[in-house]
Structure formats: structure tokens, C-alpha cells
PDB file of N, CA and C in Angstrom:
ATOM      1  N   UNK A   1      87.060 183.683  50.703  1.00  0.00           N
ATOM      2  CA  UNK A   1      87.447 184.250  51.984  1.00  0.00           C
ATOM      3  C   UNK A   1      86.709 183.498  53.099  1.00  0.00           C
ATOM      4  N   UNK A   2      87.410 183.235  54.177  1.00  0.00           N
ATOM      5  CA  UNK A   2      86.807 182.575  55.340  1.00  0.00           C
ATOM      6  C   UNK A   2      85.836 183.542  56.008  1.00  0.00           C
ATOM      7  N   UNK A   3      84.617 183.087  56.234  1.00  0.00           N
ATOM      8  CA  UNK A   3      83.587 183.937  56.842  1.00  0.00           C
ATOM      9  C   UNK A   3      83.859 184.204  58.316  1.00  0.00           C
ATOM     10  N   UNK A   4      84.753 183.457  58.931  1.00  0.00           N
ATOM     11  CA  UNK A   4      85.029 183.608  60.363  1.00  0.00           C
ATOM     12  C   UNK A   4      86.248 184.485  60.622  1.00  0.00           C
ATOM     13  N   UNK A   5      87.389 184.138  60.016  1.00  0.00           N
ATOM     14  CA  UNK A   5      88.633 184.850  60.332  1.00  0.00           C
ATOM     15  C   UNK A   5      89.119 185.755  59.199  1.00  0.00           C
ATOM     16  N   UNK A   6      88.546 185.630  58.002  1.00  0.00           N
ATOM     17  CA  UNK A   6      88.936 186.483  56.896  1.00  0.00           C
ATOM     18  C   UNK A   6      90.107 185.962  56.083  1.00  0.00           C
ATOM     19  N   UNK A   7      90.572 184.747  56.370  1.00  0.00           N
ATOM     20  CA  UNK A   7      91.674 184.162  55.590  1.00  0.00           C
ATOM     21  C   UNK A   7      91.243 184.040  54.133  1.00  0.00           C
ATOM     22  N   UNK A   8      92.185 184.216  53.238  1.00  0.00           N
ATOM     23  CA  UNK A   8      91.871 184.126  51.820  1.00  0.00           C
ATOM     24  C   UNK A   8      92.718 183.054  51.155  1.00  0.00           C
ATOM     25  N   UNK A   9      92.228 182.578  50.044  1.00  0.00           N
ATOM     26  CA  UNK A   9      92.945 181.620  49.220  1.00  0.00           C
ATOM     27  C   UNK A   9      92.959 182.191  47.801  1.00  0.00           C
ATOM     28  N   UNK A  10      94.118 182.221  47.156  1.00  0.00           N
ATOM     29  CA  UNK A  10      94.198 182.864  45.840  1.00  0.00           C
ATOM     30  C   UNK A  10      93.365 182.188  44.756  1.00  0.00           C
ATOM     31  N   UNK A  11      93.062 180.907  44.907  1.00  0.00           N
ATOM     32  CA  UNK A  11      92.332 180.181  43.867  1.00  0.00           C
ATOM     33  C   UNK A  11      90.933 179.776  44.301  1.00  0.00           C
ATOM     34  N   UNK A  12      90.331 180.507  45.207  1.00  0.00           N
ATOM     35  CA  UNK A  12      89.015 180.143  45.718  1.00  0.00           C
ATOM     36  C   UNK A  12      89.149 179.209  46.899  1.00  0.00           C
ATOM     37  N   UNK A  13      88.040 178.691  47.356  1.00  0.00           N
ATOM     38  CA  UNK A  13      88.047 177.830  48.543  1.00  0.00           C
ATOM     39  C   UNK A  13      88.693 176.482  48.230  1.00  0.00           C
ATOM     40  N   UNK A  14      89.752 176.105  48.962  1.00  0.00           N
ATOM     41  CA  UNK A  14      90.372 174.800  48.749  1.00  0.00           C
ATOM     42  C   UNK A  14      89.463 173.669  49.234  1.00  0.00           C
ATOM     43  N   UNK A  15      89.731 172.434  48.820  1.00  0.00           N
ATOM     44  CA  UNK A  15      88.870 171.317  49.226  1.00  0.00           C
ATOM     45  C   UNK A  15      88.881 171.041  50.734  1.00  0.00           C
ATOM     46  N   UNK A  16      89.834 171.572  51.463  1.00  0.00           N
ATOM     47  CA  UNK A  16      89.883 171.353  52.910  1.00  0.00           C
ATOM     48  C   UNK A  16      88.984 172.316  53.677  1.00  0.00           C
ATOM     49  N   UNK A  17      88.447 173.328  53.018  1.00  0.00           N
ATOM     50  CA  UNK A  17      87.574 174.288  53.679  1.00  0.00           C
ATOM     51  C   UNK A  17      86.159 173.720  53.775  1.00  0.00           C
ATOM     52  N   UNK A  18      85.402 174.205  54.745  1.00  0.00           N
ATOM     53  CA  UNK A  18      84.029 173.760  54.976  1.00  0.00           C
ATOM     54  C   UNK A  18      83.060 174.777  54.379  1.00  0.00           C
ATOM     55  N   UNK A  19      82.047 174.277  53.699  1.00  0.00           N
ATOM     56  CA  UNK A  19      81.017 175.139  53.122  1.00  0.00           C
ATOM     57  C   UNK A  19      79.741 174.977  53.937  1.00  0.00           C
ATOM     58  N   UNK A  20      79.097 176.087  54.238  1.00  0.00           N
ATOM     59  CA  UNK A  20      77.859 176.077  55.001  1.00  0.00           C
ATOM     60  C   UNK A  20      76.866 177.025  54.333  1.00  0.00           C
ATOM     61  N   UNK A  21      75.617 176.599  54.232  1.00  0.00           N
ATOM     62  CA  UNK A  21      74.564 177.465  53.705  1.00  0.00           C
ATOM     63  C   UNK A  21      73.707 177.903  54.879  1.00  0.00           C
ATOM     64  N   UNK A  22      73.718 179.191  55.147  1.00  0.00           N
ATOM     65  CA  UNK A  22      72.960 179.759  56.260  1.00  0.00           C
ATOM     66  C   UNK A  22      72.066 180.881  55.738  1.00  0.00           C
ATOM     67  N   UNK A  23      70.783 180.741  55.950  1.00  0.00           N
ATOM     68  CA  UNK A  23      69.804 181.733  55.475  1.00  0.00           C
ATOM     69  C   UNK A  23      69.925 181.981  53.984  1.00  0.00           C
ATOM     70  N   UNK A  24      70.191 180.915  53.225  1.00  0.00           N
ATOM     71  CA  UNK A  24      70.283 181.016  51.779  1.00  0.00           C
ATOM     72  C   UNK A  24      71.596 181.563  51.262  1.00  0.00           C
ATOM     73  N   UNK A  25      72.561 181.816  52.129  1.00  0.00           N
ATOM     74  CA  UNK A  25      73.857 182.354  51.729  1.00  0.00           C
ATOM     75  C   UNK A  25      74.942 181.318  51.959  1.00  0.00           C
ATOM     76  N   UNK A  26      75.756 181.063  50.954  1.00  0.00           N
ATOM     77  CA  UNK A  26      76.855 180.108  51.067  1.00  0.00           C
ATOM     78  C   UNK A  26      78.047 180.786  51.732  1.00  0.00           C
ATOM     79  N   UNK A  27      78.570 180.158  52.779  1.00  0.00           N
ATOM     80  CA  UNK A  27      79.733 180.684  53.491  1.00  0.00           C
ATOM     81  C   UNK A  27      80.799 179.607  53.548  1.00  0.00           C
ATOM     82  N   UNK A  28      82.052 180.028  53.460  1.00  0.00           N
ATOM     83  CA  UNK A  28      83.174 179.101  53.542  1.00  0.00           C
ATOM     84  C   UNK A  28      83.975 179.392  54.799  1.00  0.00           C
ATOM     85  N   UNK A  29      84.472 178.321  55.439  1.00  0.00           N
ATOM     86  CA  UNK A  29      85.292 178.436  56.636  1.00  0.00           C
ATOM     87  C   UNK A  29      86.597 177.694  56.410  1.00  0.00           C
ATOM     88  N   UNK A  30      87.711 178.341  56.745  1.00  0.00           N
ATOM     89  CA  UNK A  30      89.024 177.721  56.551  1.00  0.00           C
ATOM     90  C   UNK A  30      89.155 176.509  57.458  1.00  0.00           C
ATOM     91  N   UNK A  31      90.141 175.677  57.188  1.00  0.00           N
ATOM     92  CA  UNK A  31      90.298 174.452  57.966  1.00  0.00           C
ATOM     93  C   UNK A  31      90.590 174.733  59.439  1.00  0.00           C
ATOM     94  N   UNK A  32      91.285 175.813  59.758  1.00  0.00           N
ATOM     95  CA  UNK A  32      91.571 176.146  61.161  1.00  0.00           C
ATOM     96  C   UNK A  32      90.291 176.526  61.911  1.00  0.00           C
ATOM     97  N   UNK A  33      89.451 177.348  61.306  1.00  0.00           N
ATOM     98  CA  UNK A  33      88.192 177.752  61.946  1.00  0.00           C
ATOM     99  C   UNK A  33      87.230 176.566  62.041  1.00  0.00           C
ATOM    100  N   UNK A  34      87.183 175.743  61.002  1.00  0.00           N
ATOM    101  CA  UNK A  34      86.311 174.574  61.021  1.00  0.00           C
ATOM    102  C   UNK A  34      86.755 173.602  62.111  1.00  0.00           C
ATOM    103  N   UNK A  35      88.059 173.406  62.245  1.00  0.00           N
ATOM    104  CA  UNK A  35      88.582 172.494  63.256  1.00  0.00           C
ATOM    105  C   UNK A  35      88.269 173.001  64.667  1.00  0.00           C
ATOM    106  N   UNK A  36      88.365 174.298  64.862  1.00  0.00           N
ATOM    107  CA  UNK A  36      88.117 174.882  66.182  1.00  0.00           C
ATOM    108  C   UNK A  36      86.633 174.836  66.573  1.00  0.00           C
ATOM    109  N   UNK A  37      85.750 174.738  65.586  1.00  0.00           N
ATOM    110  CA  UNK A  37      84.309 174.788  65.854  1.00  0.00           C
ATOM    111  C   UNK A  37      83.569 173.556  65.332  1.00  0.00           C
ATOM    112  N   UNK A  38      84.262 172.423  65.252  1.00  0.00           N
ATOM    113  CA  UNK A  38      83.686 171.231  64.634  1.00  0.00           C
ATOM    114  C   UNK A  38      82.409 170.752  65.334  1.00  0.00           C
ATOM    115  N   UNK A  39      82.341 170.850  66.642  1.00  0.00           N
ATOM    116  CA  UNK A  39      81.132 170.391  67.351  1.00  0.00           C
ATOM    117  C   UNK A  39      79.914 171.232  66.989  1.00  0.00           C
ATOM    118  N   UNK A  40      80.103 172.533  66.876  1.00  0.00           N
ATOM    119  CA  UNK A  40      78.995 173.411  66.500  1.00  0.00           C
ATOM    120  C   UNK A  40      78.574 173.157  65.054  1.00  0.00           C
ATOM    121  N   UNK A  41      79.550 172.881  64.187  1.00  0.00           N
ATOM    122  CA  UNK A  41      79.236 172.596  62.785  1.00  0.00           C
ATOM    123  C   UNK A  41      78.452 171.294  62.681  1.00  0.00           C
ATOM    124  N   UNK A  42      78.913 170.256  63.369  1.00  0.00           N
ATOM    125  CA  UNK A  42      78.208 168.972  63.325  1.00  0.00           C
ATOM    126  C   UNK A  42      76.832 169.060  63.976  1.00  0.00           C
ATOM    127  N   UNK A  43      76.659 169.954  64.936  1.00  0.00           N
ATOM    128  CA  UNK A  43      75.363 170.173  65.562  1.00  0.00           C
ATOM    129  C   UNK A  43      74.455 171.067  64.733  1.00  0.00           C
ATOM    130  N   UNK A  44      74.950 171.495  63.585  1.00  0.00           N
ATOM    131  CA  UNK A  44      74.223 172.347  62.638  1.00  0.00           C
ATOM    132  C   UNK A  44      73.798 173.681  63.240  1.00  0.00           C
ATOM    133  N   UNK A  45      74.636 174.221  64.111  1.00  0.00           N
ATOM    134  CA  UNK A  45      74.376 175.550  64.664  1.00  0.00           C
ATOM    135  C   UNK A  45      74.841 176.604  63.666  1.00  0.00           C
ATOM    136  N   UNK A  46      74.105 177.682  63.533  1.00  0.00           N
ATOM    137  CA  UNK A  46      74.542 178.786  62.679  1.00  0.00           C
ATOM    138  C   UNK A  46      75.847 179.347  63.206  1.00  0.00           C
ATOM    139  N   UNK A  47      76.667 179.888  62.326  1.00  0.00           N
ATOM    140  CA  UNK A  47      77.974 180.414  62.727  1.00  0.00           C
ATOM    141  C   UNK A  47      77.855 181.559  63.730  1.00  0.00           C
ATOM    142  N   UNK A  48      76.716 182.224  63.780  1.00  0.00           N
ATOM    143  CA  UNK A  48      76.546 183.294  64.774  1.00  0.00           C
ATOM    144  C   UNK A  48      76.554 182.743  66.202  1.00  0.00           C
ATOM    145  N   UNK A  49      76.283 181.461  66.394  1.00  0.00           N
ATOM    146  CA  UNK A  49      76.292 180.827  67.720  1.00  0.00           C
ATOM    147  C   UNK A  49      77.690 180.453  68.193  1.00  0.00           C
ATOM    148  N   UNK A  50      78.645 180.355  67.258  1.00  0.00           N
ATOM    149  CA  UNK A  50      79.985 179.947  67.661  1.00  0.00           C
ATOM    150  C   UNK A  50      80.662 181.093  68.323  1.00  0.00           C
TER     151      UNK A  50
END
């Protein structure tokens, strides 16, 4: 499940999704959410900042 918008994939996270480890917890973001927040992801900001 996407940690941002709640989108789901029936077979787990597809290879196009972004994985982020924040505070020891692995989170996945769908390609739409990752694309919309790419600058924050590349700047290594926690998802709470987006």
C-alpha cells in the first residue's frame, strides 16, 4: 500500500514504486506520489515534510 495516497497493488509493491526507510520503518510510495514529490525524495526529506 502507498504510504501517501493509500493506493494498493495486488502483488505487493511493483518495481516502479519508491521505497523509503524512515525511522526504521520501510514505506512504499506509488509512482504518482513519488513523481509529485521527487524533489523532496531526492533531498532526503521525511515524508512528513511533503
